[in-house]
Amino acid sequence: MKKSTRMKTKYIQIPGKKMHNGRIPVDQHFRLIDHANVYAIGDLAYGENQDKVWPQVAPFAVQSAEHVAKHISSGKKSDHLSQFIYKDPGSMAVLKAFDGVCQIPRYHLQLTGLPAWLLWLFVHLYGIIGGRNRILALLERGADYIRHNAAVTLIREDNNT
């Protein structure tokens, strides 16, 4: 009979204090407060700019990773680098077929309904590499709407009211 080999998971204890939600307080360059050679980025990092706590969203994770990469690759001390400031690109959501919400603080833009849905569609299609892939994604999305696929209708209206 073959013996089962089980891998043991090793957990690394991150030095320093942690917030009640598990996030780690960092400086404006994502270094742990008492450990200048250890970085925490994305959802793990806790910090503030202009009295606003850094969000736990993908655009923040990307921006924090880019900042740390520049910091490490420059070889400069933090004193010579500008501090991190999160630039909120905004939020978009599809509510149901041809209906969405959009908020882009940078341009003081708030949209609802069909215009928000069209902007969401444009932004997501723009992010797809290659014209063929964009067309295929658009056709698949259209087919989902025609079939009333449940994944497309995220928020359903209550017809009983």
N, C-alpha and C. Protein backbone atom coordinates (compact mmCIF):
# COMPACT_ATOMS: atom_id res chain seq x y z
N MET A 1 0.83 -1.17 0.00
CA MET A 1 0.00 0.00 0.00
C MET A 1 0.88 1.24 0.00
N LYS A 2 0.52 2.21 -0.86
CA LYS A 2 1.30 3.44 -0.99
C LYS A 2 1.02 4.38 0.17
N LYS A 3 2.10 4.89 0.70
CA LYS A 3 1.98 5.82 1.82
C LYS A 3 1.66 7.23 1.30
N SER A 4 0.70 7.85 1.94
CA SER A 4 0.32 9.20 1.54
C SER A 4 1.36 10.21 2.05
N THR A 5 1.84 11.01 1.13
CA THR A 5 2.78 12.05 1.53
C THR A 5 2.03 13.37 1.53
N ARG A 6 2.02 13.98 2.66
CA ARG A 6 1.31 15.25 2.81
C ARG A 6 2.30 16.37 3.01
N MET A 7 2.14 17.41 2.22
CA MET A 7 3.03 18.56 2.37
C MET A 7 2.52 19.42 3.52
N LYS A 8 3.44 19.84 4.33
CA LYS A 8 3.07 20.73 5.42
C LYS A 8 3.20 22.17 4.93
N THR A 9 2.18 22.94 5.21
CA THR A 9 2.20 24.35 4.84
C THR A 9 2.98 25.12 5.88
N LYS A 10 3.91 25.94 5.39
CA LYS A 10 4.69 26.77 6.30
C LYS A 10 4.16 28.19 6.20
N TYR A 11 3.87 28.75 7.32
CA TYR A 11 3.40 30.12 7.36
C TYR A 11 4.53 31.02 7.84
N ILE A 12 4.66 32.14 7.18
CA ILE A 12 5.68 33.10 7.57
C ILE A 12 5.00 34.18 8.40
N GLN A 13 5.55 34.44 9.56
CA GLN A 13 5.01 35.48 10.42
C GLN A 13 5.58 36.82 9.97
N ILE A 14 4.69 37.73 9.57
CA ILE A 14 5.12 39.05 9.13
C ILE A 14 5.42 39.88 10.37
N PRO A 15 6.59 40.53 10.40
CA PRO A 15 6.95 41.30 11.60
C PRO A 15 6.10 42.56 11.74
N GLY A 16 6.05 43.08 12.94
CA GLY A 16 5.34 44.34 13.18
C GLY A 16 3.90 44.12 13.60
N LYS A 17 3.27 45.25 13.93
CA LYS A 17 1.88 45.17 14.40
C LYS A 17 0.92 45.08 13.21
N LYS A 18 -0.27 44.60 13.52
CA LYS A 18 -1.32 44.49 12.51
C LYS A 18 -2.57 45.17 13.03
N MET A 19 -3.39 45.65 12.09
CA MET A 19 -4.66 46.28 12.45
C MET A 19 -5.66 45.20 12.84
N HIS A 20 -6.80 45.59 13.37
CA HIS A 20 -7.83 44.63 13.78
C HIS A 20 -8.36 43.81 12.59
N ASN A 21 -8.27 44.35 11.38
CA ASN A 21 -8.76 43.64 10.19
C ASN A 21 -7.66 42.86 9.47
N GLY A 22 -6.49 42.77 10.07
CA GLY A 22 -5.40 41.99 9.50
C GLY A 22 -4.48 42.78 8.58
N ARG A 23 -4.84 44.01 8.27
CA ARG A 23 -3.98 44.84 7.42
C ARG A 23 -2.77 45.31 8.21
N ILE A 24 -1.71 45.62 7.49
CA ILE A 24 -0.45 46.00 8.13
C ILE A 24 -0.18 47.49 7.89
N PRO A 25 0.04 48.25 8.97
CA PRO A 25 0.35 49.67 8.79
C PRO A 25 1.70 49.85 8.09
N VAL A 26 1.72 50.69 7.05
CA VAL A 26 2.94 50.95 6.29
C VAL A 26 3.13 52.45 6.15
N ASP A 27 4.35 52.85 5.76
CA ASP A 27 4.61 54.27 5.51
C ASP A 27 4.17 54.62 4.08
N GLN A 28 4.50 55.82 3.61
CA GLN A 28 4.07 56.28 2.29
C GLN A 28 4.80 55.59 1.14
N HIS A 29 5.71 54.67 1.46
CA HIS A 29 6.41 53.88 0.44
C HIS A 29 6.14 52.39 0.62
N PHE A 30 5.12 52.07 1.43
CA PHE A 30 4.66 50.69 1.66
C PHE A 30 5.65 49.85 2.45
N ARG A 31 6.53 50.49 3.19
CA ARG A 31 7.44 49.75 4.06
C ARG A 31 6.78 49.58 5.42
N LEU A 32 6.99 48.43 6.03
CA LEU A 32 6.49 48.23 7.38
C LEU A 32 7.12 49.27 8.30
N ILE A 33 6.36 49.72 9.26
CA ILE A 33 6.77 50.84 10.11
C ILE A 33 8.12 50.59 10.78
N ASP A 34 8.35 49.44 11.34
CA ASP A 34 9.60 49.17 12.05
C ASP A 34 10.57 48.31 11.25
N HIS A 35 10.27 48.04 9.99
CA HIS A 35 11.12 47.17 9.16
C HIS A 35 11.21 47.77 7.76
N ALA A 36 12.20 48.61 7.55
CA ALA A 36 12.33 49.39 6.31
C ALA A 36 12.59 48.55 5.06
N ASN A 37 13.01 47.30 5.23
CA ASN A 37 13.30 46.45 4.07
C ASN A 37 12.18 45.48 3.75
N VAL A 38 11.06 45.62 4.43
CA VAL A 38 9.92 44.73 4.20
C VAL A 38 8.75 45.59 3.70
N TYR A 39 8.16 45.17 2.58
CA TYR A 39 7.06 45.92 1.98
C TYR A 39 5.76 45.13 2.06
N ALA A 40 4.66 45.86 2.13
CA ALA A 40 3.32 45.26 2.04
C ALA A 40 2.52 46.12 1.07
N ILE A 41 1.90 45.48 0.08
CA ILE A 41 1.14 46.23 -0.92
C ILE A 41 -0.26 45.66 -1.06
N GLY A 42 -1.09 46.35 -1.82
CA GLY A 42 -2.43 45.86 -2.12
C GLY A 42 -3.32 45.80 -0.90
N ASP A 43 -4.14 44.76 -0.83
CA ASP A 43 -5.12 44.61 0.25
C ASP A 43 -4.47 44.53 1.63
N LEU A 44 -3.23 44.12 1.67
CA LEU A 44 -2.54 43.93 2.94
C LEU A 44 -2.10 45.25 3.57
N ALA A 45 -1.84 46.27 2.73
CA ALA A 45 -1.28 47.54 3.21
C ALA A 45 -2.35 48.44 3.80
N TYR A 46 -2.03 49.03 4.95
CA TYR A 46 -2.91 50.01 5.57
C TYR A 46 -2.16 51.34 5.66
N GLY A 47 -2.75 52.36 5.06
CA GLY A 47 -2.18 53.69 5.10
C GLY A 47 -3.25 54.70 4.74
N GLU A 48 -2.86 55.97 4.78
CA GLU A 48 -3.82 57.04 4.49
C GLU A 48 -3.17 58.12 3.65
N ASN A 49 -3.98 58.79 2.85
CA ASN A 49 -3.62 60.02 2.15
C ASN A 49 -4.76 60.99 2.35
N GLN A 50 -4.43 62.18 2.74
CA GLN A 50 -5.43 63.24 2.90
C GLN A 50 -6.62 62.76 3.74
N ASP A 51 -6.31 62.09 4.85
CA ASP A 51 -7.30 61.58 5.81
C ASP A 51 -8.26 60.55 5.20
N LYS A 52 -7.87 59.92 4.12
CA LYS A 52 -8.68 58.83 3.53
C LYS A 52 -7.86 57.55 3.59
N VAL A 53 -8.46 56.51 4.16
CA VAL A 53 -7.80 55.21 4.25
C VAL A 53 -7.70 54.60 2.85
N TRP A 54 -6.56 53.98 2.56
CA TRP A 54 -6.39 53.35 1.26
C TRP A 54 -7.41 52.23 1.09
N PRO A 55 -8.04 52.16 -0.08
CA PRO A 55 -9.08 51.14 -0.30
C PRO A 55 -8.49 49.77 -0.62
N GLN A 56 -9.31 48.77 -0.51
CA GLN A 56 -8.91 47.41 -0.86
C GLN A 56 -9.56 47.05 -2.20
N VAL A 57 -9.04 47.67 -3.26
CA VAL A 57 -9.56 47.45 -4.61
C VAL A 57 -8.39 47.21 -5.56
N ALA A 58 -8.68 46.62 -6.71
CA ALA A 58 -7.63 46.27 -7.67
C ALA A 58 -6.81 47.47 -8.16
N PRO A 59 -7.44 48.61 -8.50
CA PRO A 59 -6.61 49.73 -8.96
C PRO A 59 -5.59 50.19 -7.92
N PHE A 60 -5.96 50.14 -6.65
CA PHE A 60 -5.01 50.49 -5.60
C PHE A 60 -3.86 49.50 -5.56
N ALA A 61 -4.17 48.21 -5.68
CA ALA A 61 -3.13 47.18 -5.65
C ALA A 61 -2.13 47.39 -6.79
N VAL A 62 -2.63 47.70 -7.97
CA VAL A 62 -1.75 47.93 -9.12
C VAL A 62 -0.88 49.17 -8.88
N GLN A 63 -1.49 50.26 -8.43
CA GLN A 63 -0.73 51.49 -8.19
C GLN A 63 0.31 51.30 -7.09
N SER A 64 -0.05 50.57 -6.04
CA SER A 64 0.91 50.35 -4.95
C SER A 64 2.07 49.48 -5.42
N ALA A 65 1.79 48.48 -6.24
CA ALA A 65 2.86 47.63 -6.77
C ALA A 65 3.80 48.43 -7.68
N GLU A 66 3.24 49.31 -8.51
CA GLU A 66 4.08 50.14 -9.37
C GLU A 66 4.97 51.07 -8.55
N HIS A 67 4.42 51.63 -7.47
CA HIS A 67 5.19 52.54 -6.62
C HIS A 67 6.36 51.80 -5.96
N VAL A 68 6.09 50.62 -5.43
CA VAL A 68 7.15 49.84 -4.78
C VAL A 68 8.19 49.39 -5.80
N ALA A 69 7.76 49.00 -6.99
CA ALA A 69 8.72 48.59 -8.02
C ALA A 69 9.65 49.74 -8.39
N LYS A 70 9.10 50.94 -8.53
CA LYS A 70 9.94 52.11 -8.83
C LYS A 70 10.90 52.38 -7.68
N HIS A 71 10.40 52.25 -6.46
CA HIS A 71 11.23 52.50 -5.28
C HIS A 71 12.40 51.53 -5.22
N ILE A 72 12.12 50.25 -5.41
CA ILE A 72 13.17 49.23 -5.32
C ILE A 72 14.16 49.37 -6.48
N SER A 73 13.65 49.54 -7.70
CA SER A 73 14.52 49.60 -8.88
C SER A 73 15.37 50.86 -8.92
N SER A 74 14.93 51.94 -8.29
CA SER A 74 15.70 53.19 -8.31
C SER A 74 16.94 53.10 -7.41
N GLY A 75 16.86 52.29 -6.36
CA GLY A 75 17.98 52.17 -5.44
C GLY A 75 18.16 53.40 -4.56
N LYS A 76 17.26 54.37 -4.69
CA LYS A 76 17.37 55.60 -3.90
C LYS A 76 16.74 55.40 -2.52
N LYS A 77 17.13 56.25 -1.63
CA LYS A 77 16.49 56.25 -0.32
C LYS A 77 15.12 56.91 -0.47
N SER A 78 14.21 56.56 0.40
CA SER A 78 12.84 57.06 0.34
C SER A 78 12.75 58.58 0.39
N ASP A 79 13.74 59.21 1.01
CA ASP A 79 13.71 60.66 1.13
C ASP A 79 13.73 61.35 -0.23
N HIS A 80 14.27 60.67 -1.25
CA HIS A 80 14.39 61.25 -2.58
C HIS A 80 13.21 60.91 -3.49
N LEU A 81 12.27 60.14 -3.02
CA LEU A 81 11.13 59.75 -3.84
C LEU A 81 9.86 60.44 -3.34
N SER A 82 8.97 60.73 -4.26
CA SER A 82 7.71 61.33 -3.84
C SER A 82 6.86 60.28 -3.14
N GLN A 83 6.05 60.72 -2.20
CA GLN A 83 5.21 59.78 -1.46
C GLN A 83 4.07 59.28 -2.35
N PHE A 84 3.53 58.15 -1.99
CA PHE A 84 2.44 57.55 -2.75
C PHE A 84 1.15 58.31 -2.50
N ILE A 85 0.44 58.62 -3.58
CA ILE A 85 -0.90 59.21 -3.50
C ILE A 85 -1.80 58.39 -4.42
N TYR A 86 -2.81 57.80 -3.84
CA TYR A 86 -3.74 56.97 -4.61
C TYR A 86 -4.61 57.84 -5.51
N LYS A 87 -4.68 57.47 -6.79
CA LYS A 87 -5.52 58.17 -7.75
C LYS A 87 -6.71 57.27 -8.07
N ASP A 88 -7.86 57.61 -7.53
CA ASP A 88 -9.07 56.80 -7.70
C ASP A 88 -9.58 56.90 -9.14
N PRO A 89 -9.55 55.78 -9.89
CA PRO A 89 -10.03 55.83 -11.28
C PRO A 89 -11.55 55.80 -11.36
N GLY A 90 -12.22 55.50 -10.26
CA GLY A 90 -13.67 55.45 -10.25
C GLY A 90 -14.20 54.04 -10.11
N SER A 91 -15.51 53.94 -10.11
CA SER A 91 -16.17 52.65 -9.96
C SER A 91 -17.29 52.52 -10.98
N MET A 92 -17.47 51.30 -11.46
CA MET A 92 -18.55 51.01 -12.40
C MET A 92 -19.17 49.67 -12.03
N ALA A 93 -20.46 49.56 -12.27
CA ALA A 93 -21.14 48.29 -12.02
C ALA A 93 -22.31 48.16 -12.97
N VAL A 94 -22.55 46.92 -13.41
CA VAL A 94 -23.71 46.61 -14.23
C VAL A 94 -24.78 46.09 -13.28
N LEU A 95 -25.98 46.66 -13.38
CA LEU A 95 -27.07 46.23 -12.52
C LEU A 95 -27.92 45.16 -13.19
N LYS A 96 -28.20 45.36 -14.46
CA LYS A 96 -28.95 44.40 -15.27
C LYS A 96 -28.72 44.78 -16.71
N ALA A 97 -29.41 44.13 -17.63
CA ALA A 97 -29.24 44.42 -19.05
C ALA A 97 -29.50 45.90 -19.33
N PHE A 98 -28.53 46.55 -19.94
CA PHE A 98 -28.62 47.95 -20.35
C PHE A 98 -28.81 48.92 -19.18
N ASP A 99 -28.36 48.55 -18.01
CA ASP A 99 -28.50 49.40 -16.83
C ASP A 99 -27.25 49.28 -15.97
N GLY A 100 -26.70 50.40 -15.57
CA GLY A 100 -25.51 50.38 -14.75
C GLY A 100 -25.36 51.66 -13.96
N VAL A 101 -24.30 51.70 -13.18
CA VAL A 101 -23.95 52.90 -12.43
C VAL A 101 -22.46 53.14 -12.63
N CYS A 102 -22.09 54.41 -12.60
CA CYS A 102 -20.70 54.78 -12.84
C CYS A 102 -20.38 56.04 -12.06
N GLN A 103 -19.23 56.04 -11.40
CA GLN A 103 -18.78 57.23 -10.68
C GLN A 103 -17.28 57.37 -10.94
N ILE A 104 -16.90 58.50 -11.53
CA ILE A 104 -15.50 58.79 -11.80
C ILE A 104 -15.18 60.14 -11.15
N PRO A 105 -14.62 60.12 -9.93
CA PRO A 105 -14.39 61.36 -9.19
C PRO A 105 -13.47 62.35 -9.91
N ARG A 106 -12.50 61.82 -10.63
CA ARG A 106 -11.53 62.68 -11.32
C ARG A 106 -12.19 63.69 -12.25
N TYR A 107 -13.27 63.25 -12.89
CA TYR A 107 -14.00 64.12 -13.82
C TYR A 107 -15.34 64.58 -13.26
N HIS A 108 -15.57 64.34 -11.98
CA HIS A 108 -16.84 64.70 -11.33
C HIS A 108 -18.02 64.12 -12.13
N LEU A 109 -17.86 62.87 -12.53
CA LEU A 109 -18.85 62.23 -13.40
C LEU A 109 -19.63 61.17 -12.62
N GLN A 110 -20.95 61.25 -12.69
CA GLN A 110 -21.82 60.22 -12.13
C GLN A 110 -22.89 59.92 -13.17
N LEU A 111 -22.94 58.67 -13.58
CA LEU A 111 -23.93 58.26 -14.58
C LEU A 111 -24.74 57.09 -14.05
N THR A 112 -25.96 56.98 -14.52
CA THR A 112 -26.80 55.82 -14.23
C THR A 112 -27.52 55.43 -15.50
N GLY A 113 -28.06 54.22 -15.50
CA GLY A 113 -28.86 53.76 -16.63
C GLY A 113 -28.03 53.35 -17.83
N LEU A 114 -28.59 53.57 -19.01
CA LEU A 114 -27.96 53.16 -20.27
C LEU A 114 -26.60 53.83 -20.50
N PRO A 115 -26.44 55.14 -20.26
CA PRO A 115 -25.12 55.74 -20.47
C PRO A 115 -24.02 55.10 -19.61
N ALA A 116 -24.34 54.79 -18.37
CA ALA A 116 -23.36 54.14 -17.49
C ALA A 116 -23.04 52.73 -18.01
N TRP A 117 -24.04 52.02 -18.47
CA TRP A 117 -23.83 50.67 -19.00
C TRP A 117 -22.97 50.72 -20.26
N LEU A 118 -23.21 51.68 -21.14
CA LEU A 118 -22.42 51.81 -22.37
C LEU A 118 -20.97 52.17 -22.05
N LEU A 119 -20.75 53.05 -21.08
CA LEU A 119 -19.38 53.39 -20.68
C LEU A 119 -18.68 52.18 -20.09
N TRP A 120 -19.39 51.42 -19.26
CA TRP A 120 -18.83 50.19 -18.68
C TRP A 120 -18.42 49.23 -19.80
N LEU A 121 -19.30 49.06 -20.77
CA LEU A 121 -19.01 48.15 -21.90
C LEU A 121 -17.79 48.63 -22.67
N PHE A 122 -17.71 49.92 -22.96
CA PHE A 122 -16.57 50.47 -23.71
C PHE A 122 -15.27 50.25 -22.95
N VAL A 123 -15.25 50.56 -21.66
CA VAL A 123 -14.03 50.43 -20.86
C VAL A 123 -13.57 48.97 -20.82
N HIS A 124 -14.51 48.05 -20.65
CA HIS A 124 -14.12 46.64 -20.57
C HIS A 124 -13.70 46.07 -21.93
N LEU A 125 -14.33 46.51 -22.99
CA LEU A 125 -13.89 46.06 -24.31
C LEU A 125 -12.53 46.65 -24.67
N TYR A 126 -12.29 47.89 -24.27
CA TYR A 126 -11.02 48.56 -24.54
C TYR A 126 -9.86 47.80 -23.87
N GLY A 127 -10.11 47.22 -22.72
CA GLY A 127 -9.07 46.51 -21.98
C GLY A 127 -8.72 45.15 -22.56
N ILE A 128 -9.50 44.67 -23.51
CA ILE A 128 -9.25 43.37 -24.12
C ILE A 128 -8.26 43.55 -25.27
N ILE A 129 -7.24 42.72 -25.31
CA ILE A 129 -6.20 42.84 -26.33
C ILE A 129 -6.66 42.17 -27.62
N GLY A 130 -6.59 42.88 -28.71
CA GLY A 130 -6.88 42.34 -30.04
C GLY A 130 -8.32 42.55 -30.46
N GLY A 131 -8.47 42.98 -31.70
CA GLY A 131 -9.80 43.25 -32.25
C GLY A 131 -10.68 42.02 -32.29
N ARG A 132 -10.11 40.87 -32.64
CA ARG A 132 -10.89 39.63 -32.71
C ARG A 132 -11.43 39.26 -31.33
N ASN A 133 -10.60 39.39 -30.32
CA ASN A 133 -11.02 39.07 -28.96
C ASN A 133 -12.12 40.03 -28.48
N ARG A 134 -12.01 41.30 -28.87
CA ARG A 134 -13.04 42.27 -28.50
C ARG A 134 -14.38 41.91 -29.12
N ILE A 135 -14.34 41.54 -30.39
CA ILE A 135 -15.59 41.17 -31.09
C ILE A 135 -16.19 39.93 -30.46
N LEU A 136 -15.36 38.93 -30.18
CA LEU A 136 -15.87 37.70 -29.54
C LEU A 136 -16.48 37.99 -28.17
N ALA A 137 -15.82 38.83 -27.39
CA ALA A 137 -16.36 39.18 -26.08
C ALA A 137 -17.69 39.91 -26.21
N LEU A 138 -17.79 40.81 -27.18
CA LEU A 138 -19.03 41.55 -27.42
C LEU A 138 -20.15 40.60 -27.85
N LEU A 139 -19.84 39.64 -28.73
CA LEU A 139 -20.84 38.67 -29.17
C LEU A 139 -21.29 37.77 -28.01
N GLU A 140 -20.35 37.34 -27.20
CA GLU A 140 -20.71 36.50 -26.05
C GLU A 140 -21.59 37.26 -25.06
N ARG A 141 -21.23 38.51 -24.81
CA ARG A 141 -22.04 39.34 -23.90
C ARG A 141 -23.43 39.54 -24.48
N GLY A 142 -23.51 39.80 -25.79
CA GLY A 142 -24.81 39.97 -26.44
C GLY A 142 -25.66 38.71 -26.35
N ALA A 143 -25.04 37.55 -26.56
CA ALA A 143 -25.77 36.29 -26.46
C ALA A 143 -26.29 36.07 -25.04
N ASP A 144 -25.50 36.46 -24.04
CA ASP A 144 -25.95 36.35 -22.65
C ASP A 144 -27.19 37.21 -22.41
N TYR A 145 -27.20 38.41 -22.97
CA TYR A 145 -28.35 39.29 -22.80
C TYR A 145 -29.59 38.73 -23.49
N ILE A 146 -29.40 38.19 -24.69
CA ILE A 146 -30.53 37.62 -25.43
C ILE A 146 -31.12 36.43 -24.68
N ARG A 147 -30.24 35.58 -24.11
CA ARG A 147 -30.70 34.38 -23.38
C ARG A 147 -31.12 34.71 -21.95
N HIS A 148 -30.98 35.96 -21.53
CA HIS A 148 -31.28 36.37 -20.15
C HIS A 148 -30.48 35.55 -19.15
N ASN A 149 -29.21 35.40 -19.42
CA ASN A 149 -28.32 34.65 -18.55
C ASN A 149 -28.30 35.30 -17.16
N ALA A 150 -28.39 34.50 -16.12
CA ALA A 150 -28.46 35.00 -14.74
C ALA A 150 -27.20 35.78 -14.36
N ALA A 151 -26.05 35.44 -14.96
CA ALA A 151 -24.81 36.14 -14.62
C ALA A 151 -24.87 37.60 -15.08
N VAL A 152 -25.67 37.89 -16.09
CA VAL A 152 -25.79 39.25 -16.58
C VAL A 152 -26.72 40.06 -15.69
N THR A 153 -27.78 39.45 -15.21
CA THR A 153 -28.73 40.14 -14.36
C THR A 153 -28.30 39.99 -12.92
N LEU A 154 -27.47 40.89 -12.47
CA LEU A 154 -26.92 40.78 -11.13
C LEU A 154 -27.91 41.20 -10.05
N ILE A 155 -28.65 42.26 -10.33
CA ILE A 155 -29.65 42.76 -9.39
C ILE A 155 -31.00 42.65 -10.06
N ARG A 156 -31.88 41.89 -9.49
CA ARG A 156 -33.19 41.66 -10.11
C ARG A 156 -34.24 42.53 -9.47
N GLU A 157 -35.16 42.98 -10.27
CA GLU A 157 -36.26 43.79 -9.75
C GLU A 157 -37.31 42.88 -9.15
N ASP A 158 -37.94 43.33 -8.08
CA ASP A 158 -39.02 42.60 -7.47
C ASP A 158 -40.31 42.97 -8.19
N ASN A 159 -40.90 42.01 -8.89
CA ASN A 159 -42.10 42.27 -9.67
C ASN A 159 -43.38 42.20 -8.83
N ASN A 160 -43.25 41.89 -7.57
CA ASN A 160 -44.42 41.72 -6.70
C ASN A 160 -44.89 43.03 -6.08
N THR A 161 -44.20 44.14 -6.33
CA THR A 161 -44.60 45.40 -5.70
C THR A 161 -45.53 46.21 -6.58
